[in-house]
Amino acid sequence: MSKIKTHVKKGDQVQIIAGNHKGKSGLVLSVDAAKGKVVVEGGRPIKKAVKRSEKEPDGGIKTIDGPIHISNVKKLA
């Protein structure tokens, strides 16, 4: 299985250059090279419904960071 080369990696500082969240910048939390997606901290917030459980006793709606296509981010120096 060969590795897919990407221009960003986890922990890099990036800026979003295209889409609705253009101009935002943050740290890369994860990279999925096979799907061509990255998750940027504070880059694309999405609301997610969470059921009650031992881990989340209150449940409700939680805000998480959503994935962005890797071509829509630029690595900052």
PDB file of N, CA and C in Angstrom:
ATOM      1  N   MET A   1       0.843  -1.177   0.000  1.00  0.00           N
ATOM      2  CA  MET A   1       0.000   0.000   0.000  1.00  0.00           C
ATOM      3  C   MET A   1       0.894   1.249   0.000  1.00  0.00           C
ATOM      4  N   SER A   2       0.722   2.109  -1.005  1.00  0.00           N
ATOM      5  CA  SER A   2       1.568   3.288  -1.109  1.00  0.00           C
ATOM      6  C   SER A   2       0.945   4.474  -0.380  1.00  0.00           C
ATOM      7  N   LYS A   3       1.807   5.361   0.106  1.00  0.00           N
ATOM      8  CA  LYS A   3       1.344   6.564   0.787  1.00  0.00           C
ATOM      9  C   LYS A   3       0.986   7.619  -0.243  1.00  0.00           C
ATOM     10  N   ILE A   4      -0.071   8.375   0.020  1.00  0.00           N
ATOM     11  CA  ILE A   4      -0.467   9.466  -0.845  1.00  0.00           C
ATOM     12  C   ILE A   4       0.168  10.748  -0.307  1.00  0.00           C
ATOM     13  N   LYS A   5       0.872  11.470  -1.179  1.00  0.00           N
ATOM     14  CA  LYS A   5       1.583  12.682  -0.758  1.00  0.00           C
ATOM     15  C   LYS A   5       0.623  13.865  -0.696  1.00  0.00           C
ATOM     16  N   THR A   6       0.700  14.628   0.388  1.00  0.00           N
ATOM     17  CA  THR A   6      -0.112  15.830   0.552  1.00  0.00           C
ATOM     18  C   THR A   6       0.801  17.003   0.903  1.00  0.00           C
ATOM     19  N   HIS A   7       0.311  18.214   0.682  1.00  0.00           N
ATOM     20  CA  HIS A   7       1.121  19.395   0.975  1.00  0.00           C
ATOM     21  C   HIS A   7       0.957  19.878   2.412  1.00  0.00           C
ATOM     22  N   VAL A   8       0.018  19.297   3.157  1.00  0.00           N
ATOM     23  CA  VAL A   8      -0.162  19.647   4.567  1.00  0.00           C
ATOM     24  C   VAL A   8      -0.150  18.386   5.415  1.00  0.00           C
ATOM     25  N   LYS A   9       0.185  18.550   6.693  1.00  0.00           N
ATOM     26  CA  LYS A   9       0.143  17.425   7.625  1.00  0.00           C
ATOM     27  C   LYS A   9      -0.440  17.908   8.944  1.00  0.00           C
ATOM     28  N   LYS A  10      -0.737  16.987   9.818  1.00  0.00           N
ATOM     29  CA  LYS A  10      -1.326  17.303  11.117  1.00  0.00           C
ATOM     30  C   LYS A  10      -0.404  18.255  11.881  1.00  0.00           C
ATOM     31  N   GLY A  11      -0.999  19.332  12.430  1.00  0.00           N
ATOM     32  CA  GLY A  11      -0.229  20.294  13.200  1.00  0.00           C
ATOM     33  C   GLY A  11       0.209  21.519  12.409  1.00  0.00           C
ATOM     34  N   ASP A  12       0.041  21.504  11.079  1.00  0.00           N
ATOM     35  CA  ASP A  12       0.415  22.657  10.252  1.00  0.00           C
ATOM     36  C   ASP A  12      -0.587  23.794  10.417  1.00  0.00           C
ATOM     37  N   GLN A  13      -0.112  25.026  10.248  1.00  0.00           N
ATOM     38  CA  GLN A  13      -0.968  26.211  10.249  1.00  0.00           C
ATOM     39  C   GLN A  13      -1.396  26.439   8.803  1.00  0.00           C
ATOM     40  N   VAL A  14      -2.713  26.476   8.542  1.00  0.00           N
ATOM     41  CA  VAL A  14      -3.220  26.648   7.183  1.00  0.00           C
ATOM     42  C   VAL A  14      -4.265  27.756   7.124  1.00  0.00           C
ATOM     43  N   GLN A  15      -4.529  28.229   5.892  1.00  0.00           N
ATOM     44  CA  GLN A  15      -5.582  29.204   5.641  1.00  0.00           C
ATOM     45  C   GLN A  15      -6.510  28.627   4.593  1.00  0.00           C
ATOM     46  N   ILE A  16      -7.829  28.828   4.769  1.00  0.00           N
ATOM     47  CA  ILE A  16      -8.807  28.354   3.809  1.00  0.00           C
ATOM     48  C   ILE A  16      -8.885  29.376   2.682  1.00  0.00           C
ATOM     49  N   ILE A  17      -8.686  28.921   1.427  1.00  0.00           N
ATOM     50  CA  ILE A  17      -8.605  29.841   0.301  1.00  0.00           C
ATOM     51  C   ILE A  17      -9.815  29.781  -0.620  1.00  0.00           C
ATOM     52  N   ALA A  18     -10.775  28.882  -0.372  1.00  0.00           N
ATOM     53  CA  ALA A  18     -11.950  28.778  -1.232  1.00  0.00           C
ATOM     54  C   ALA A  18     -13.145  28.287  -0.428  1.00  0.00           C
ATOM     55  N   GLY A  19     -14.333  28.627  -0.902  1.00  0.00           N
ATOM     56  CA  GLY A  19     -15.550  28.160  -0.251  1.00  0.00           C
ATOM     57  C   GLY A  19     -16.141  29.196   0.687  1.00  0.00           C
ATOM     58  N   ASN A  20     -17.191  28.790   1.413  1.00  0.00           N
ATOM     59  CA  ASN A  20     -17.899  29.695   2.324  1.00  0.00           C
ATOM     60  C   ASN A  20     -17.045  30.179   3.487  1.00  0.00           C
ATOM     61  N   HIS A  21     -16.031  29.437   3.854  1.00  0.00           N
ATOM     62  CA  HIS A  21     -15.213  29.767   5.025  1.00  0.00           C
ATOM     63  C   HIS A  21     -13.870  30.366   4.617  1.00  0.00           C
ATOM     64  N   LYS A  22     -13.824  30.966   3.427  1.00  0.00           N
ATOM     65  CA  LYS A  22     -12.610  31.555   2.877  1.00  0.00           C
ATOM     66  C   LYS A  22     -12.052  32.624   3.817  1.00  0.00           C
ATOM     67  N   GLY A  23     -10.738  32.591   4.017  1.00  0.00           N
ATOM     68  CA  GLY A  23     -10.084  33.588   4.852  1.00  0.00           C
ATOM     69  C   GLY A  23      -9.791  33.123   6.263  1.00  0.00           C
ATOM     70  N   LYS A  24     -10.504  32.099   6.748  1.00  0.00           N
ATOM     71  CA  LYS A  24     -10.249  31.592   8.100  1.00  0.00           C
ATOM     72  C   LYS A  24      -8.938  30.821   8.106  1.00  0.00           C
ATOM     73  N   SER A  25      -8.271  30.830   9.249  1.00  0.00           N
ATOM     74  CA  SER A  25      -7.039  30.056   9.374  1.00  0.00           C
ATOM     75  C   SER A  25      -7.055  29.306  10.702  1.00  0.00           C
ATOM     76  N   GLY A  26      -6.265  28.256  10.763  1.00  0.00           N
ATOM     77  CA  GLY A  26      -6.187  27.449  11.972  1.00  0.00           C
ATOM     78  C   GLY A  26      -5.231  26.291  11.810  1.00  0.00           C
ATOM     79  N   LEU A  27      -5.189  25.444  12.833  1.00  0.00           N
ATOM     80  CA  LEU A  27      -4.318  24.281  12.860  1.00  0.00           C
ATOM     81  C   LEU A  27      -5.018  23.083  12.228  1.00  0.00           C
ATOM     82  N   VAL A  28      -4.265  22.252  11.522  1.00  0.00           N
ATOM     83  CA  VAL A  28      -4.818  21.026  10.942  1.00  0.00           C
ATOM     84  C   VAL A  28      -4.921  19.984  12.054  1.00  0.00           C
ATOM     85  N   LEU A  29      -6.148  19.500  12.286  1.00  0.00           N
ATOM     86  CA  LEU A  29      -6.373  18.489  13.323  1.00  0.00           C
ATOM     87  C   LEU A  29      -6.188  17.074  12.776  1.00  0.00           C
ATOM     88  N   SER A  30      -6.611  16.842  11.514  1.00  0.00           N
ATOM     89  CA  SER A  30      -6.430  15.527  10.905  1.00  0.00           C
ATOM     90  C   SER A  30      -6.405  15.648   9.390  1.00  0.00           C
ATOM     91  N   VAL A  31      -5.751  14.660   8.739  1.00  0.00           N
ATOM     92  CA  VAL A  31      -5.650  14.617   7.284  1.00  0.00           C
ATOM     93  C   VAL A  31      -6.089  13.234   6.826  1.00  0.00           C
ATOM     94  N   ASP A  32      -7.023  13.177   5.867  1.00  0.00           N
ATOM     95  CA  ASP A  32      -7.432  11.923   5.236  1.00  0.00           C
ATOM     96  C   ASP A  32      -7.016  12.018   3.776  1.00  0.00           C
ATOM     97  N   ALA A  33      -5.808  11.548   3.476  1.00  0.00           N
ATOM     98  CA  ALA A  33      -5.239  11.690   2.139  1.00  0.00           C
ATOM     99  C   ALA A  33      -6.020  10.885   1.101  1.00  0.00           C
ATOM    100  N   ALA A  34      -6.534   9.739   1.483  1.00  0.00           N
ATOM    101  CA  ALA A  34      -7.268   8.893   0.546  1.00  0.00           C
ATOM    102  C   ALA A  34      -8.539   9.580   0.047  1.00  0.00           C
ATOM    103  N   LYS A  35      -9.223  10.292   0.931  1.00  0.00           N
ATOM    104  CA  LYS A  35     -10.441  11.011   0.554  1.00  0.00           C
ATOM    105  C   LYS A  35     -10.159  12.451   0.153  1.00  0.00           C
ATOM    106  N   GLY A  36      -8.937  12.928   0.406  1.00  0.00           N
ATOM    107  CA  GLY A  36      -8.578  14.298   0.057  1.00  0.00           C
ATOM    108  C   GLY A  36      -9.222  15.329   0.958  1.00  0.00           C
ATOM    109  N   LYS A  37      -9.357  15.020   2.251  1.00  0.00           N
ATOM    110  CA  LYS A  37     -10.013  15.919   3.202  1.00  0.00           C
ATOM    111  C   LYS A  37      -9.072  16.258   4.349  1.00  0.00           C
ATOM    112  N   VAL A  38      -9.222  17.479   4.882  1.00  0.00           N
ATOM    113  CA  VAL A  38      -8.521  17.902   6.095  1.00  0.00           C
ATOM    114  C   VAL A  38      -9.529  18.533   7.044  1.00  0.00           C
ATOM    115  N   VAL A  39      -9.264  18.426   8.339  1.00  0.00           N
ATOM    116  CA  VAL A  39     -10.097  19.070   9.349  1.00  0.00           C
ATOM    117  C   VAL A  39      -9.262  20.185   9.969  1.00  0.00           C
ATOM    118  N   VAL A  40      -9.760  21.426   9.837  1.00  0.00           N
ATOM    119  CA  VAL A  40      -9.057  22.603  10.347  1.00  0.00           C
ATOM    120  C   VAL A  40      -9.776  23.091  11.592  1.00  0.00           C
ATOM    121  N   GLU A  41      -9.017  23.381  12.640  1.00  0.00           N
ATOM    122  CA  GLU A  41      -9.573  23.852  13.907  1.00  0.00           C
ATOM    123  C   GLU A  41     -10.282  25.189  13.693  1.00  0.00           C
ATOM    124  N   GLY A  42     -11.594  25.211  13.937  1.00  0.00           N
ATOM    125  CA  GLY A  42     -12.390  26.422  13.767  1.00  0.00           C
ATOM    126  C   GLY A  42     -12.658  26.784  12.322  1.00  0.00           C
ATOM    127  N   GLY A  43     -12.322  25.907  11.385  1.00  0.00           N
ATOM    128  CA  GLY A  43     -12.452  26.205   9.967  1.00  0.00           C
ATOM    129  C   GLY A  43     -13.846  26.067   9.415  1.00  0.00           C
ATOM    130  N   ARG A  44     -14.521  24.977   9.733  1.00  0.00           N
ATOM    131  CA  ARG A  44     -15.867  24.726   9.224  1.00  0.00           C
ATOM    132  C   ARG A  44     -16.713  24.108  10.328  1.00  0.00           C
ATOM    133  N   PRO A  45     -17.264  24.936  11.208  1.00  0.00           N
ATOM    134  CA  PRO A  45     -18.059  24.388  12.315  1.00  0.00           C
ATOM    135  C   PRO A  45     -19.388  23.809  11.828  1.00  0.00           C
ATOM    136  N   ILE A  46     -19.728  22.609  12.315  1.00  0.00           N
ATOM    137  CA  ILE A  46     -21.012  21.992  12.004  1.00  0.00           C
ATOM    138  C   ILE A  46     -21.693  21.598  13.312  1.00  0.00           C
ATOM    139  N   LYS A  47     -23.021  21.655  13.310  1.00  0.00           N
ATOM    140  CA  LYS A  47     -23.813  21.248  14.471  1.00  0.00           C
ATOM    141  C   LYS A  47     -24.129  19.767  14.342  1.00  0.00           C
ATOM    142  N   LYS A  48     -23.989  19.027  15.445  1.00  0.00           N
ATOM    143  CA  LYS A  48     -24.249  17.589  15.443  1.00  0.00           C
ATOM    144  C   LYS A  48     -25.109  17.236  16.650  1.00  0.00           C
ATOM    145  N   ALA A  49     -26.170  16.477  16.393  1.00  0.00           N
ATOM    146  CA  ALA A  49     -27.034  16.030  17.483  1.00  0.00           C
ATOM    147  C   ALA A  49     -26.365  14.853  18.185  1.00  0.00           C
ATOM    148  N   VAL A  50     -26.322  14.902  19.527  1.00  0.00           N
ATOM    149  CA  VAL A  50     -25.665  13.863  20.319  1.00  0.00           C
ATOM    150  C   VAL A  50     -26.670  13.277  21.301  1.00  0.00           C
ATOM    151  N   LYS A  51     -26.789  11.939  21.278  1.00  0.00           N
ATOM    152  CA  LYS A  51     -27.686  11.255  22.209  1.00  0.00           C
ATOM    153  C   LYS A  51     -27.085  11.244  23.608  1.00  0.00           C
ATOM    154  N   ARG A  52     -27.926  11.091  24.597  1.00  0.00           N
ATOM    155  CA  ARG A  52     -27.440  10.946  25.975  1.00  0.00           C
ATOM    156  C   ARG A  52     -26.716   9.614  26.114  1.00  0.00           C
ATOM    157  N   SER A  53     -25.600   9.648  26.827  1.00  0.00           N
ATOM    158  CA  SER A  53     -24.831   8.433  27.096  1.00  0.00           C
ATOM    159  C   SER A  53     -23.962   8.702  28.319  1.00  0.00           C
ATOM    160  N   GLU A  54     -23.192   7.709  28.715  1.00  0.00           N
ATOM    161  CA  GLU A  54     -22.288   7.914  29.845  1.00  0.00           C
ATOM    162  C   GLU A  54     -21.226   8.951  29.503  1.00  0.00           C
ATOM    163  N   LYS A  55     -20.786   8.939  28.253  1.00  0.00           N
ATOM    164  CA  LYS A  55     -19.766   9.882  27.813  1.00  0.00           C
ATOM    165  C   LYS A  55     -20.333  11.303  27.685  1.00  0.00           C
ATOM    166  N   GLU A  56     -21.548  11.429  27.181  1.00  0.00           N
ATOM    167  CA  GLU A  56     -22.236  12.717  27.026  1.00  0.00           C
ATOM    168  C   GLU A  56     -23.538  12.683  27.816  1.00  0.00           C
ATOM    169  N   PRO A  57     -23.505  12.922  29.142  1.00  0.00           N
ATOM    170  CA  PRO A  57     -24.706  12.780  29.961  1.00  0.00           C
ATOM    171  C   PRO A  57     -25.828  13.762  29.624  1.00  0.00           C
ATOM    172  N   ASP A  58     -25.478  14.945  29.099  1.00  0.00           N
ATOM    173  CA  ASP A  58     -26.504  15.927  28.771  1.00  0.00           C
ATOM    174  C   ASP A  58     -27.069  15.749  27.373  1.00  0.00           C
ATOM    175  N   GLY A  59     -26.292  15.205  26.459  1.00  0.00           N
ATOM    176  CA  GLY A  59     -26.753  15.070  25.084  1.00  0.00           C
ATOM    177  C   GLY A  59     -26.915  16.435  24.450  1.00  0.00           C
ATOM    178  N   GLY A  60     -27.833  16.553  23.493  1.00  0.00           N
ATOM    179  CA  GLY A  60     -28.116  17.844  22.880  1.00  0.00           C
ATOM    180  C   GLY A  60     -27.344  18.079  21.594  1.00  0.00           C
ATOM    181  N   ILE A  61     -27.170  19.347  21.242  1.00  0.00           N
ATOM    182  CA  ILE A  61     -26.499  19.711  20.008  1.00  0.00           C
ATOM    183  C   ILE A  61     -25.086  20.192  20.317  1.00  0.00           C
ATOM    184  N   LYS A  62     -24.114  19.630  19.598  1.00  0.00           N
ATOM    185  CA  LYS A  62     -22.706  19.897  19.829  1.00  0.00           C
ATOM    186  C   LYS A  62     -22.094  20.463  18.546  1.00  0.00           C
ATOM    187  N   THR A  63     -21.161  21.406  18.665  1.00  0.00           N
ATOM    188  CA  THR A  63     -20.480  21.965  17.500  1.00  0.00           C
ATOM    189  C   THR A  63     -19.132  21.279  17.329  1.00  0.00           C
ATOM    190  N   ILE A  64     -18.910  20.725  16.124  1.00  0.00           N
ATOM    191  CA  ILE A  64     -17.642  20.063  15.815  1.00  0.00           C
ATOM    192  C   ILE A  64     -17.052  20.686  14.552  1.00  0.00           C
ATOM    193  N   ASP A  65     -15.774  20.419  14.282  1.00  0.00           N
ATOM    194  CA  ASP A  65     -15.122  20.905  13.068  1.00  0.00           C
ATOM    195  C   ASP A  65     -15.333  19.907  11.945  1.00  0.00           C
ATOM    196  N   GLY A  66     -15.799  20.390  10.804  1.00  0.00           N
ATOM    197  CA  GLY A  66     -16.067  19.536   9.651  1.00  0.00           C
ATOM    198  C   GLY A  66     -14.891  19.493   8.691  1.00  0.00           C
ATOM    199  N   PRO A  67     -14.889  18.519   7.776  1.00  0.00           N
ATOM    200  CA  PRO A  67     -13.787  18.383   6.818  1.00  0.00           C
ATOM    201  C   PRO A  67     -13.885  19.391   5.672  1.00  0.00           C
ATOM    202  N   ILE A  68     -12.737  19.721   5.107  1.00  0.00           N
ATOM    203  CA  ILE A  68     -12.618  20.623   3.959  1.00  0.00           C
ATOM    204  C   ILE A  68     -11.745  19.909   2.932  1.00  0.00           C
ATOM    205  N   HIS A  69     -12.022  20.113   1.643  1.00  0.00           N
ATOM    206  CA  HIS A  69     -11.192  19.485   0.612  1.00  0.00           C
ATOM    207  C   HIS A  69      -9.778  20.042   0.701  1.00  0.00           C
ATOM    208  N   ILE A  70      -8.815  19.157   0.511  1.00  0.00           N
ATOM    209  CA  ILE A  70      -7.405  19.520   0.701  1.00  0.00           C
ATOM    210  C   ILE A  70      -6.939  20.596  -0.278  1.00  0.00           C
ATOM    211  N   SER A  71      -7.589  20.703  -1.438  1.00  0.00           N
ATOM    212  CA  SER A  71      -7.191  21.722  -2.413  1.00  0.00           C
ATOM    213  C   SER A  71      -7.665  23.114  -2.010  1.00  0.00           C
ATOM    214  N   ASN A  72      -8.536  23.211  -1.021  1.00  0.00           N
ATOM    215  CA  ASN A  72      -9.070  24.499  -0.584  1.00  0.00           C
ATOM    216  C   ASN A  72      -8.308  25.106   0.587  1.00  0.00           C
ATOM    217  N   VAL A  73      -7.167  24.510   0.953  1.00  0.00           N
ATOM    218  CA  VAL A  73      -6.347  25.059   2.034  1.00  0.00           C
ATOM    219  C   VAL A  73      -4.941  25.357   1.533  1.00  0.00           C
ATOM    220  N   LYS A  74      -4.347  26.394   2.141  1.00  0.00           N
ATOM    221  CA  LYS A  74      -2.978  26.799   1.795  1.00  0.00           C
ATOM    222  C   LYS A  74      -2.148  26.787   3.062  1.00  0.00           C
ATOM    223  N   LYS A  75      -0.995  26.161   3.000  1.00  0.00           N
ATOM    224  CA  LYS A  75      -0.089  26.094   4.152  1.00  0.00           C
ATOM    225  C   LYS A  75       0.552  27.461   4.378  1.00  0.00           C
ATOM    226  N   LEU A  76       0.540  27.926   5.635  1.00  0.00           N
ATOM    227  CA  LEU A  76       1.175  29.178   5.990  1.00  0.00           C
ATOM    228  C   LEU A  76       2.579  28.904   6.513  1.00  0.00           C
ATOM    229  N   ALA A  77       3.474  29.819   6.264  1.00  0.00           N
ATOM    230  CA  ALA A  77       4.885  29.630   6.662  1.00  0.00           C
ATOM    231  C   ALA A  77       5.101  29.678   8.135  1.00  0.00           C
TER     232      ALA A  77
END
